[in-house]
Amino acid sequence: MLEFGTGAAAGNGGAVAGAIIDVSEQDFMQEVVEASKELPVIVDFWAPWCGPCKQLTPALEAAVTEAGGKVRLAKINVDENQQIAAQLRIQSIPTVYAFINGQPVDGFQGAVPASELKRFIDQLIAQSPAGDGGIGEAVEAAEQMLEEGAAADAAQTFAAILQEEPGNLPSISGLARAYLALGDLEKARAALAMAPAGSEDAPEIAAARAQIELAEASADLGETAELQAKLDADPNDHQSRLDLALALAAAGDNEAAVDQLLELFRRDREWNEEAAKVQLLKLIDSLGPKDPLAGKARRRLGSMILC
């Protein structure tokens, strides 16, 4: 394992020794290019006069510290290292590059939220020579258990992953959803509360939170057949239509729930402080950004809003 120097900036808290360092043109090859053959190296190009840099650099340091030595951060002052900045075509700052196996593999410009930094670093860890220690495969296995209805086994697996990596967002989300599938709202809320500060808007956390809120809203609504009968008796009973949609979502019939919410929106979009739109957006969040139904529902809502 390549040993880094002890030139980490002061005030790095619990950072692994050498995980956060200042780099110059003289040691760039050693501390970035060569070092990235062992672990991913994130390079932060900054300058003392750069306002966004003062936001991004501390957030990067915190994210790298949280990664516990799985990545390293090399900070380069472009005012003092103009040659390397020119070679890498740095045109604005802050600019961040990630190196793996001696090559730049990813990057971004400008300050970004902590949740995006977390995802950026997680992706680098997964691509690194050392990998993520099998955590990614374990998460996939737990998700498969949950999909197949083995919620208790999934919860146990997600909990074990979190013992190894407490801030793992997919596992926090998965544990909350597993407890939700087991009907334990209290444990689901407690699992979601484990999410690190700044990760509230991460898609996996937002999805789990929306599912919990939908479950809370659908509690004690009664059977879908009973609610459907009430709606059939009076199609203008907006409350029964909303209750039916929530009950359908709680039962896993998301497509039917979307249809009912869109119909309620069509009939009276302003009713009960836009309840149809609010609950539909919550349902879309609960599905997650990759679910085809989420995209379809969002497009249908958008077309109705424009009408």
C-alpha atoms as a PDB file:
ATOM      1  CA  MET A   1       0.000   0.000   0.000  1.00  0.00           C
ATOM      2  CA  LEU A   2       1.374   3.385  -0.994  1.00  0.00           C
ATOM      3  CA  GLU A   3       2.032   5.538   2.056  1.00  0.00           C
ATOM      4  CA  PHE A   4       1.053   9.193   1.871  1.00  0.00           C
ATOM      5  CA  GLY A   5       2.902  11.981   3.579  1.00  0.00           C
ATOM      6  CA  THR A   6       1.618  13.773   6.661  1.00  0.00           C
ATOM      7  CA  GLY A   7       0.902  17.058   4.912  1.00  0.00           C
ATOM      8  CA  ALA A   8      -2.853  17.023   5.578  1.00  0.00           C
ATOM      9  CA  ALA A   9      -4.297  20.449   6.237  1.00  0.00           C
ATOM     10  CA  ALA A  10      -4.983  21.348   9.833  1.00  0.00           C
ATOM     11  CA  GLY A  11      -8.490  20.894  11.120  1.00  0.00           C
ATOM     12  CA  ASN A  12      -9.366  17.712   9.217  1.00  0.00           C
ATOM     13  CA  GLY A  13     -10.957  16.220  12.313  1.00  0.00           C
ATOM     14  CA  GLY A  14     -11.113  12.449  12.155  1.00  0.00           C
ATOM     15  CA  ALA A  15      -9.630  12.111   8.698  1.00  0.00           C
ATOM     16  CA  VAL A  16      -7.422   9.089   8.119  1.00  0.00           C
ATOM     17  CA  ALA A  17      -3.762  10.194   8.218  1.00  0.00           C
ATOM     18  CA  GLY A  18      -2.754  11.477   4.801  1.00  0.00           C
ATOM     19  CA  ALA A  19      -6.287  11.236   3.388  1.00  0.00           C
ATOM     20  CA  ILE A  20      -6.462  15.013   2.830  1.00  0.00           C
ATOM     21  CA  ILE A  21      -3.308  16.659   1.533  1.00  0.00           C
ATOM     22  CA  ASP A  22      -2.073  19.755  -0.281  1.00  0.00           C
ATOM     23  CA  VAL A  23      -0.429  18.907  -3.584  1.00  0.00           C
ATOM     24  CA  SER A  24       1.860  20.920  -5.850  1.00  0.00           C
ATOM     25  CA  GLU A  25       3.248  20.482  -9.354  1.00  0.00           C
ATOM     26  CA  GLN A  26       6.361  18.888  -7.841  1.00  0.00           C
ATOM     27  CA  ASP A  27       4.534  15.981  -6.199  1.00  0.00           C
ATOM     28  CA  PHE A  28       1.434  15.692  -8.423  1.00  0.00           C
ATOM     29  CA  MET A  29       2.675  12.540 -10.170  1.00  0.00           C
ATOM     30  CA  GLN A  30       3.436  10.801  -6.909  1.00  0.00           C
ATOM     31  CA  GLU A  31       0.483  11.940  -4.793  1.00  0.00           C
ATOM     32  CA  VAL A  32      -2.203  11.833  -7.490  1.00  0.00           C
ATOM     33  CA  VAL A  33      -1.293   9.746 -10.530  1.00  0.00           C
ATOM     34  CA  GLU A  34       0.698   6.997  -8.778  1.00  0.00           C
ATOM     35  CA  ALA A  35      -1.400   7.070  -5.628  1.00  0.00           C
ATOM     36  CA  SER A  36      -4.589   6.541  -7.638  1.00  0.00           C
ATOM     37  CA  LYS A  37      -3.348   3.075  -8.564  1.00  0.00           C
ATOM     38  CA  GLU A  38      -4.026   2.127  -4.938  1.00  0.00           C
ATOM     39  CA  LEU A  39      -7.102   4.196  -4.060  1.00  0.00           C
ATOM     40  CA  PRO A  40      -9.226   6.806  -5.863  1.00  0.00           C
ATOM     41  CA  VAL A  41      -7.759  10.304  -5.552  1.00  0.00           C
ATOM     42  CA  ILE A  42     -10.060  13.320  -5.767  1.00  0.00           C
ATOM     43  CA  VAL A  43      -8.292  16.481  -6.901  1.00  0.00           C
ATOM     44  CA  ASP A  44      -9.800  19.800  -5.794  1.00  0.00           C
ATOM     45  CA  PHE A  45      -8.593  22.782  -7.840  1.00  0.00           C
ATOM     46  CA  TRP A  46      -9.221  25.915  -5.795  1.00  0.00           C
ATOM     47  CA  ALA A  47      -7.944  29.422  -5.030  1.00  0.00           C
ATOM     48  CA  PRO A  48      -8.090  31.592  -1.882  1.00  0.00           C
ATOM     49  CA  TRP A  49     -10.210  34.248  -3.635  1.00  0.00           C
ATOM     50  CA  CYS A  50     -12.820  31.780  -4.932  1.00  0.00           C
ATOM     51  CA  GLY A  51     -16.124  32.074  -3.062  1.00  0.00           C
ATOM     52  CA  PRO A  52     -17.674  28.727  -4.160  1.00  0.00           C
ATOM     53  CA  CYS A  53     -14.399  27.014  -3.248  1.00  0.00           C
ATOM     54  CA  LYS A  54     -14.961  28.048   0.364  1.00  0.00           C
ATOM     55  CA  GLN A  55     -18.215  26.074   0.270  1.00  0.00           C
ATOM     56  CA  LEU A  56     -17.046  23.054  -1.680  1.00  0.00           C
ATOM     57  CA  THR A  57     -13.669  22.305  -0.109  1.00  0.00           C
ATOM     58  CA  PRO A  58     -14.942  21.836   3.486  1.00  0.00           C
ATOM     59  CA  ALA A  59     -17.798  19.686   2.172  1.00  0.00           C
ATOM     60  CA  LEU A  60     -15.320  17.575   0.203  1.00  0.00           C
ATOM     61  CA  GLU A  61     -13.114  17.202   3.254  1.00  0.00           C
ATOM     62  CA  ALA A  62     -16.092  16.054   5.326  1.00  0.00           C
ATOM     63  CA  ALA A  63     -17.182  13.556   2.679  1.00  0.00           C
ATOM     64  CA  VAL A  64     -13.675  12.139   2.291  1.00  0.00           C
ATOM     65  CA  THR A  65     -13.321  11.871   6.069  1.00  0.00           C
ATOM     66  CA  GLU A  66     -16.634  10.000   6.230  1.00  0.00           C
ATOM     67  CA  ALA A  67     -15.353   7.561   3.591  1.00  0.00           C
ATOM     68  CA  GLY A  68     -12.875   6.316   6.178  1.00  0.00           C
ATOM     69  CA  GLY A  69      -9.739   6.010   4.047  1.00  0.00           C
ATOM     70  CA  LYS A  70     -11.360   4.544   0.930  1.00  0.00           C
ATOM     71  CA  VAL A  71     -10.570   7.697  -1.074  1.00  0.00           C
ATOM     72  CA  ARG A  72      -8.069  10.539  -0.747  1.00  0.00           C
ATOM     73  CA  LEU A  73      -8.359  14.260  -1.421  1.00  0.00           C
ATOM     74  CA  ALA A  74      -5.551  16.249  -3.047  1.00  0.00           C
ATOM     75  CA  LYS A  75      -6.031  20.035  -2.922  1.00  0.00           C
ATOM     76  CA  ILE A  76      -4.275  22.167  -5.535  1.00  0.00           C
ATOM     77  CA  ASN A  77      -4.084  25.953  -5.287  1.00  0.00           C
ATOM     78  CA  VAL A  78      -4.265  27.041  -8.942  1.00  0.00           C
ATOM     79  CA  ASP A  79      -2.614  30.399  -8.190  1.00  0.00           C
ATOM     80  CA  GLU A  80       0.487  28.574  -7.021  1.00  0.00           C
ATOM     81  CA  ASN A  81       0.337  25.724  -9.561  1.00  0.00           C
ATOM     82  CA  GLN A  82      -0.666  27.324 -12.834  1.00  0.00           C
ATOM     83  CA  GLN A  83       1.230  24.873 -15.015  1.00  0.00           C
ATOM     84  CA  ILE A  84      -0.655  21.772 -13.862  1.00  0.00           C
ATOM     85  CA  ALA A  85      -3.936  23.687 -14.042  1.00  0.00           C
ATOM     86  CA  ALA A  86      -3.159  24.604 -17.645  1.00  0.00           C
ATOM     87  CA  GLN A  87      -2.154  21.042 -18.531  1.00  0.00           C
ATOM     88  CA  LEU A  88      -5.479  19.742 -17.221  1.00  0.00           C
ATOM     89  CA  ARG A  89      -7.351  22.599 -18.946  1.00  0.00           C
ATOM     90  CA  ILE A  90      -8.851  24.016 -15.760  1.00  0.00           C
ATOM     91  CA  GLN A  91     -10.917  26.961 -17.013  1.00  0.00           C
ATOM     92  CA  SER A  92     -12.969  27.744 -13.917  1.00  0.00           C
ATOM     93  CA  ILE A  93     -12.900  26.879 -10.245  1.00  0.00           C
ATOM     94  CA  PRO A  94     -13.783  25.011  -8.221  1.00  0.00           C
ATOM     95  CA  THR A  95     -13.117  22.084 -10.511  1.00  0.00           C
ATOM     96  CA  VAL A  96     -12.865  18.536  -9.205  1.00  0.00           C
ATOM     97  CA  TYR A  97     -11.260  15.583 -10.991  1.00  0.00           C
ATOM     98  CA  ALA A  98     -11.153  11.991  -9.804  1.00  0.00           C
ATOM     99  CA  PHE A  99      -8.207   9.747 -10.694  1.00  0.00           C
ATOM    100  CA  ILE A 100      -8.260   5.940 -10.680  1.00  0.00           C
ATOM    101  CA  ASN A 101      -5.420   3.761 -11.975  1.00  0.00           C
ATOM    102  CA  GLY A 102      -3.490   6.850 -13.002  1.00  0.00           C
ATOM    103  CA  GLN A 103      -6.235   8.279 -15.199  1.00  0.00           C
ATOM    104  CA  PRO A 104      -8.966  10.930 -14.703  1.00  0.00           C
ATOM    105  CA  VAL A 105     -12.301   9.080 -14.678  1.00  0.00           C
ATOM    106  CA  ASP A 106     -14.868  11.630 -13.519  1.00  0.00           C
ATOM    107  CA  GLY A 107     -15.267  15.202 -12.377  1.00  0.00           C
ATOM    108  CA  PHE A 108     -17.501  18.230 -11.968  1.00  0.00           C
ATOM    109  CA  GLN A 109     -17.370  22.013 -11.668  1.00  0.00           C
ATOM    110  CA  GLY A 110     -18.852  24.292  -9.036  1.00  0.00           C
ATOM    111  CA  ALA A 111     -20.188  23.638  -5.556  1.00  0.00           C
ATOM    112  CA  VAL A 112     -22.613  20.701  -5.283  1.00  0.00           C
ATOM    113  CA  PRO A 113     -24.820  19.425  -2.420  1.00  0.00           C
ATOM    114  CA  ALA A 114     -23.449  16.993   0.146  1.00  0.00           C
ATOM    115  CA  SER A 115     -25.747  14.249  -1.164  1.00  0.00           C
ATOM    116  CA  GLU A 116     -24.168  14.525  -4.626  1.00  0.00           C
ATOM    117  CA  LEU A 117     -20.682  14.416  -3.126  1.00  0.00           C
ATOM    118  CA  LYS A 118     -21.649  11.238  -1.286  1.00  0.00           C
ATOM    119  CA  ARG A 119     -22.874   9.590  -4.483  1.00  0.00           C
ATOM    120  CA  PHE A 120     -19.775  10.796  -6.369  1.00  0.00           C
ATOM    121  CA  ILE A 121     -17.477   9.232  -3.778  1.00  0.00           C
ATOM    122  CA  ASP A 122     -19.521   6.013  -3.533  1.00  0.00           C
ATOM    123  CA  GLN A 123     -19.224   5.552  -7.295  1.00  0.00           C
ATOM    124  CA  LEU A 124     -15.462   6.075  -7.135  1.00  0.00           C
ATOM    125  CA  ILE A 125     -15.111   3.531  -4.348  1.00  0.00           C
ATOM    126  CA  ALA A 126     -17.060   1.001  -6.397  1.00  0.00           C
ATOM    127  CA  GLN A 127     -14.676   1.557  -9.345  1.00  0.00           C
ATOM    128  CA  SER A 128     -11.492   1.514  -7.280  1.00  0.00           C
ATOM    129  CA  PRO A 129      -8.903  -1.268  -7.400  1.00  0.00           C
ATOM    130  CA  ALA A 130      -9.800  -2.165  -3.814  1.00  0.00           C
ATOM    131  CA  GLY A 131     -13.519  -2.089  -4.594  1.00  0.00           C
ATOM    132  CA  ASP A 132     -16.093  -1.508  -1.893  1.00  0.00           C
ATOM    133  CA  GLY A 133     -15.393  -4.652   0.089  1.00  0.00           C
ATOM    134  CA  GLY A 134     -18.424  -6.434  -1.379  1.00  0.00           C
ATOM    135  CA  ILE A 135     -20.889  -3.941   0.067  1.00  0.00           C
ATOM    136  CA  GLY A 136     -22.458  -3.226  -3.309  1.00  0.00           C
ATOM    137  CA  GLU A 137     -23.128  -6.923  -3.885  1.00  0.00           C
ATOM    138  CA  ALA A 138     -24.568  -7.263  -0.394  1.00  0.00           C
ATOM    139  CA  VAL A 139     -26.934  -4.341  -1.004  1.00  0.00           C
ATOM    140  CA  GLU A 140     -28.102  -5.921  -4.262  1.00  0.00           C
ATOM    141  CA  ALA A 141     -28.704  -9.228  -2.498  1.00  0.00           C
ATOM    142  CA  ALA A 142     -30.720  -7.533   0.243  1.00  0.00           C
ATOM    143  CA  GLU A 143     -32.798  -5.663  -2.341  1.00  0.00           C
ATOM    144  CA  GLN A 144     -33.515  -8.973  -4.061  1.00  0.00           C
ATOM    145  CA  MET A 145     -34.678 -10.454  -0.747  1.00  0.00           C
ATOM    146  CA  LEU A 146     -36.990  -7.491  -0.224  1.00  0.00           C
ATOM    147  CA  GLU A 147     -38.393  -7.789  -3.737  1.00  0.00           C
ATOM    148  CA  GLU A 148     -39.082 -11.487  -3.193  1.00  0.00           C
ATOM    149  CA  GLY A 149     -40.961 -10.797   0.044  1.00  0.00           C
ATOM    150  CA  ALA A 150     -38.254 -11.897   2.482  1.00  0.00           C
ATOM    151  CA  ALA A 151     -38.418  -8.583   4.365  1.00  0.00           C
ATOM    152  CA  ALA A 152     -37.026  -9.952   7.641  1.00  0.00           C
ATOM    153  CA  ASP A 153     -33.956 -11.404   5.914  1.00  0.00           C
ATOM    154  CA  ALA A 154     -33.517  -8.162   3.968  1.00  0.00           C
ATOM    155  CA  ALA A 155     -33.681  -6.115   7.167  1.00  0.00           C
ATOM    156  CA  GLN A 156     -31.037  -8.315   8.782  1.00  0.00           C
ATOM    157  CA  THR A 157     -28.737  -7.961   5.764  1.00  0.00           C
ATOM    158  CA  PHE A 158     -29.172  -4.196   5.508  1.00  0.00           C
ATOM    159  CA  ALA A 159     -28.464  -3.880   9.239  1.00  0.00           C
ATOM    160  CA  ALA A 160     -25.269  -5.927   8.869  1.00  0.00           C
ATOM    161  CA  ILE A 161     -24.100  -3.685   6.020  1.00  0.00           C
ATOM    162  CA  LEU A 162     -24.712  -0.608   8.155  1.00  0.00           C
ATOM    163  CA  GLN A 163     -22.518  -2.040  10.889  1.00  0.00           C
ATOM    164  CA  GLU A 164     -19.681  -2.044   8.350  1.00  0.00           C
ATOM    165  CA  GLU A 165     -20.597   1.273   6.689  1.00  0.00           C
ATOM    166  CA  PRO A 166     -22.975   3.329   8.877  1.00  0.00           C
ATOM    167  CA  GLY A 167     -23.568   6.056   6.279  1.00  0.00           C
ATOM    168  CA  ASN A 168     -24.483   3.741   3.385  1.00  0.00           C
ATOM    169  CA  LEU A 169     -27.579   5.440   1.952  1.00  0.00           C
ATOM    170  CA  PRO A 170     -28.941   2.491  -0.067  1.00  0.00           C
ATOM    171  CA  SER A 171     -28.810   0.337   3.066  1.00  0.00           C
ATOM    172  CA  ILE A 172     -30.465   2.980   5.240  1.00  0.00           C
ATOM    173  CA  SER A 173     -33.238   3.284   2.663  1.00  0.00           C
ATOM    174  CA  GLY A 174     -33.468  -0.485   2.325  1.00  0.00           C
ATOM    175  CA  LEU A 175     -33.679  -1.047   6.068  1.00  0.00           C
ATOM    176  CA  ALA A 176     -36.471   1.531   6.375  1.00  0.00           C
ATOM    177  CA  ARG A 177     -38.386  -0.068   3.495  1.00  0.00           C
ATOM    178  CA  ALA A 178     -37.860  -3.556   4.930  1.00  0.00           C
ATOM    179  CA  TYR A 179     -39.322  -2.515   8.279  1.00  0.00           C
ATOM    180  CA  LEU A 180     -42.161  -0.844   6.404  1.00  0.00           C
ATOM    181  CA  ALA A 181     -42.856  -4.118   4.585  1.00  0.00           C
ATOM    182  CA  LEU A 182     -42.925  -5.813   7.998  1.00  0.00           C
ATOM    183  CA  GLY A 183     -45.535  -3.294   9.164  1.00  0.00           C
ATOM    184  CA  ASP A 184     -43.257  -1.654  11.733  1.00  0.00           C
ATOM    185  CA  LEU A 185     -43.572   2.081  11.097  1.00  0.00           C
ATOM    186  CA  GLU A 186     -41.666   3.016  14.230  1.00  0.00           C
ATOM    187  CA  LYS A 187     -38.576   1.028  13.231  1.00  0.00           C
ATOM    188  CA  ALA A 188     -38.865   2.328   9.665  1.00  0.00           C
ATOM    189  CA  ARG A 189     -38.754   5.922  10.943  1.00  0.00           C
ATOM    190  CA  ALA A 190     -35.805   5.085  13.210  1.00  0.00           C
ATOM    191  CA  ALA A 191     -33.901   3.543  10.293  1.00  0.00           C
ATOM    192  CA  LEU A 192     -34.476   6.600   8.124  1.00  0.00           C
ATOM    193  CA  ALA A 193     -33.231   8.827  10.954  1.00  0.00           C
ATOM    194  CA  MET A 194     -29.811   7.174  10.521  1.00  0.00           C
ATOM    195  CA  ALA A 195     -29.266   9.095   7.261  1.00  0.00           C
ATOM    196  CA  PRO A 196     -26.320  11.522   7.586  1.00  0.00           C
ATOM    197  CA  ALA A 197     -27.037  15.240   7.674  1.00  0.00           C
ATOM    198  CA  GLY A 198     -27.246  16.677   4.181  1.00  0.00           C
ATOM    199  CA  SER A 199     -28.496  13.445   2.577  1.00  0.00           C
ATOM    200  CA  GLU A 200     -32.197  14.223   3.010  1.00  0.00           C
ATOM    201  CA  ASP A 201     -32.670  14.898  -0.713  1.00  0.00           C
ATOM    202  CA  ALA A 202     -30.772  11.840  -1.935  1.00  0.00           C
ATOM    203  CA  PRO A 203     -33.155   9.828  -4.166  1.00  0.00           C
ATOM    204  CA  GLU A 204     -32.996   6.655  -2.074  1.00  0.00           C
ATOM    205  CA  ILE A 205     -33.695   8.542   1.153  1.00  0.00           C
ATOM    206  CA  ALA A 206     -36.468  10.612  -0.424  1.00  0.00           C
ATOM    207  CA  ALA A 207     -38.093   7.429  -1.745  1.00  0.00           C
ATOM    208  CA  ALA A 208     -38.074   5.711   1.645  1.00  0.00           C
ATOM    209  CA  ARG A 209     -39.359   8.849   3.372  1.00  0.00           C
ATOM    210  CA  ALA A 210     -42.211   9.156   0.862  1.00  0.00           C
ATOM    211  CA  GLN A 211     -43.146   5.499   1.367  1.00  0.00           C
ATOM    212  CA  ILE A 212     -43.272   5.996   5.125  1.00  0.00           C
ATOM    213  CA  GLU A 213     -45.425   9.114   4.770  1.00  0.00           C
ATOM    214  CA  LEU A 214     -47.802   7.297   2.434  1.00  0.00           C
ATOM    215  CA  ALA A 215     -48.058   4.412   4.892  1.00  0.00           C
ATOM    216  CA  GLU A 216     -48.853   6.854   7.690  1.00  0.00           C
ATOM    217  CA  ALA A 217     -51.490   8.577   5.577  1.00  0.00           C
ATOM    218  CA  SER A 218     -53.120   5.273   4.588  1.00  0.00           C
ATOM    219  CA  ALA A 219     -53.343   3.858   8.106  1.00  0.00           C
ATOM    220  CA  ASP A 220     -56.907   3.003   9.225  1.00  0.00           C
ATOM    221  CA  LEU A 221     -58.470   3.899   5.862  1.00  0.00           C
ATOM    222  CA  GLY A 222     -60.195   0.572   5.524  1.00  0.00           C
ATOM    223  CA  GLU A 223     -60.370  -1.946   2.699  1.00  0.00           C
ATOM    224  CA  THR A 224     -60.022  -0.829  -0.910  1.00  0.00           C
ATOM    225  CA  ALA A 225     -63.285  -2.605  -1.824  1.00  0.00           C
ATOM    226  CA  GLU A 226     -65.179  -0.576   0.747  1.00  0.00           C
ATOM    227  CA  LEU A 227     -63.620   2.677  -0.436  1.00  0.00           C
ATOM    228  CA  GLN A 228     -64.321   1.783  -4.076  1.00  0.00           C
ATOM    229  CA  ALA A 229     -67.976   1.148  -3.201  1.00  0.00           C
ATOM    230  CA  LYS A 230     -68.244   4.575  -1.593  1.00  0.00           C
ATOM    231  CA  LEU A 231     -66.677   6.196  -4.642  1.00  0.00           C
ATOM    232  CA  ASP A 232     -68.965   4.287  -7.015  1.00  0.00           C
ATOM    233  CA  ALA A 233     -71.943   5.614  -5.054  1.00  0.00           C
ATOM    234  CA  ASP A 234     -70.679   9.191  -5.391  1.00  0.00           C
ATOM    235  CA  PRO A 235     -67.923   9.825  -7.975  1.00  0.00           C
ATOM    236  CA  ASN A 236     -67.647  13.422  -6.701  1.00  0.00           C
ATOM    237  CA  ASP A 237     -66.670  12.263  -3.210  1.00  0.00           C
ATOM    238  CA  HIS A 238     -63.127  13.651  -3.361  1.00  0.00           C
ATOM    239  CA  GLN A 239     -62.137  12.399   0.078  1.00  0.00           C
ATOM    240  CA  SER A 240     -63.117   8.831  -0.760  1.00  0.00           C
ATOM    241  CA  ARG A 241     -61.145   9.025  -4.021  1.00  0.00           C
ATOM    242  CA  LEU A 242     -58.076  10.284  -2.161  1.00  0.00           C
ATOM    243  CA  ASP A 243     -58.469   7.608   0.512  1.00  0.00           C
ATOM    244  CA  LEU A 244     -58.829   4.940  -2.173  1.00  0.00           C
ATOM    245  CA  ALA A 245     -55.667   6.120  -3.902  1.00  0.00           C
ATOM    246  CA  LEU A 246     -53.708   5.983  -0.647  1.00  0.00           C
ATOM    247  CA  ALA A 247     -55.089   2.544   0.190  1.00  0.00           C
ATOM    248  CA  LEU A 248     -54.187   1.276  -3.282  1.00  0.00           C
ATOM    249  CA  ALA A 249     -50.648   2.587  -2.881  1.00  0.00           C
ATOM    250  CA  ALA A 250     -50.355   0.940   0.525  1.00  0.00           C
ATOM    251  CA  ALA A 251     -51.494  -2.337  -1.061  1.00  0.00           C
ATOM    252  CA  GLY A 252     -48.815  -2.025  -3.743  1.00  0.00           C
ATOM    253  CA  ASP A 253     -51.175  -1.184  -6.619  1.00  0.00           C
ATOM    254  CA  ASN A 254     -49.303   1.974  -7.531  1.00  0.00           C
ATOM    255  CA  GLU A 255     -50.607   2.261 -11.072  1.00  0.00           C
ATOM    256  CA  ALA A 256     -54.225   2.285  -9.895  1.00  0.00           C
ATOM    257  CA  ALA A 257     -53.295   4.792  -7.188  1.00  0.00           C
ATOM    258  CA  VAL A 258     -51.753   7.072  -9.824  1.00  0.00           C
ATOM    259  CA  ASP A 259     -54.923   6.835 -11.934  1.00  0.00           C
ATOM    260  CA  GLN A 260     -57.134   7.822  -8.997  1.00  0.00           C
ATOM    261  CA  LEU A 261     -54.936  10.761  -8.013  1.00  0.00           C
ATOM    262  CA  LEU A 262     -54.807  12.044 -11.577  1.00  0.00           C
ATOM    263  CA  GLU A 263     -58.591  11.739 -11.831  1.00  0.00           C
ATOM    264  CA  LEU A 264     -58.966  13.701  -8.608  1.00  0.00           C
ATOM    265  CA  PHE A 265     -56.604  16.339  -9.967  1.00  0.00           C
ATOM    266  CA  ARG A 266     -58.649  16.507 -13.182  1.00  0.00           C
ATOM    267  CA  ARG A 267     -61.898  16.961 -11.259  1.00  0.00           C
ATOM    268  CA  ASP A 268     -60.650  19.582  -8.789  1.00  0.00           C
ATOM    269  CA  ARG A 269     -56.964  20.397  -8.687  1.00  0.00           C
ATOM    270  CA  GLU A 270     -57.413  22.988  -5.921  1.00  0.00           C
ATOM    271  CA  TRP A 271     -59.362  20.731  -3.551  1.00  0.00           C
ATOM    272  CA  ASN A 272     -57.957  20.408  -0.025  1.00  0.00           C
ATOM    273  CA  GLU A 273     -54.854  22.526  -0.754  1.00  0.00           C
ATOM    274  CA  GLU A 274     -53.990  20.625  -3.942  1.00  0.00           C
ATOM    275  CA  ALA A 275     -54.091  17.301  -2.121  1.00  0.00           C
ATOM    276  CA  ALA A 276     -54.167  15.287  -5.356  1.00  0.00           C
ATOM    277  CA  LYS A 277     -50.954  16.865  -6.644  1.00  0.00           C
ATOM    278  CA  VAL A 278     -49.216  16.696  -3.252  1.00  0.00           C
ATOM    279  CA  GLN A 279     -49.980  13.001  -2.778  1.00  0.00           C
ATOM    280  CA  LEU A 280     -49.166  12.148  -6.393  1.00  0.00           C
ATOM    281  CA  LEU A 281     -45.725  13.766  -6.142  1.00  0.00           C
ATOM    282  CA  LYS A 282     -45.166  11.893  -2.895  1.00  0.00           C
ATOM    283  CA  LEU A 283     -46.124   8.636  -4.599  1.00  0.00           C
ATOM    284  CA  ILE A 284     -43.761   9.409  -7.492  1.00  0.00           C
ATOM    285  CA  ASP A 285     -40.946  10.045  -4.993  1.00  0.00           C
ATOM    286  CA  SER A 286     -41.703   6.747  -3.270  1.00  0.00           C
ATOM    287  CA  LEU A 287     -41.255   4.868  -6.551  1.00  0.00           C
ATOM    288  CA  GLY A 288     -37.779   6.288  -7.121  1.00  0.00           C
ATOM    289  CA  PRO A 289     -36.397   7.957 -10.258  1.00  0.00           C
ATOM    290  CA  LYS A 290     -35.734   4.704 -12.151  1.00  0.00           C
ATOM    291  CA  ASP A 291     -39.287   3.345 -11.957  1.00  0.00           C
ATOM    292  CA  PRO A 292     -41.033   3.651 -15.371  1.00  0.00           C
ATOM    293  CA  LEU A 293     -44.339   4.392 -13.647  1.00  0.00           C
ATOM    294  CA  ALA A 294     -42.789   7.408 -11.900  1.00  0.00           C
ATOM    295  CA  GLY A 295     -41.751   8.958 -15.202  1.00  0.00           C
ATOM    296  CA  LYS A 296     -45.116   8.187 -16.801  1.00  0.00           C
ATOM    297  CA  ALA A 297     -47.033   9.676 -13.868  1.00  0.00           C
ATOM    298  CA  ARG A 298     -44.912  12.817 -13.853  1.00  0.00           C
ATOM    299  CA  ARG A 299     -45.467  13.319 -17.591  1.00  0.00           C
ATOM    300  CA  ARG A 300     -49.228  12.817 -17.273  1.00  0.00           C
ATOM    301  CA  LEU A 301     -49.394  15.299 -14.417  1.00  0.00           C
ATOM    302  CA  GLY A 302     -47.315  17.798 -16.369  1.00  0.00           C
ATOM    303  CA  SER A 303     -49.597  17.595 -19.393  1.00  0.00           C
ATOM    304  CA  MET A 304     -52.659  18.137 -17.195  1.00  0.00           C
ATOM    305  CA  ILE A 305     -51.096  21.156 -15.513  1.00  0.00           C
ATOM    306  CA  LEU A 306     -50.446  22.734 -18.905  1.00  0.00           C
ATOM    307  CA  CYS A 307     -54.008  22.167 -20.094  1.00  0.00           C
END
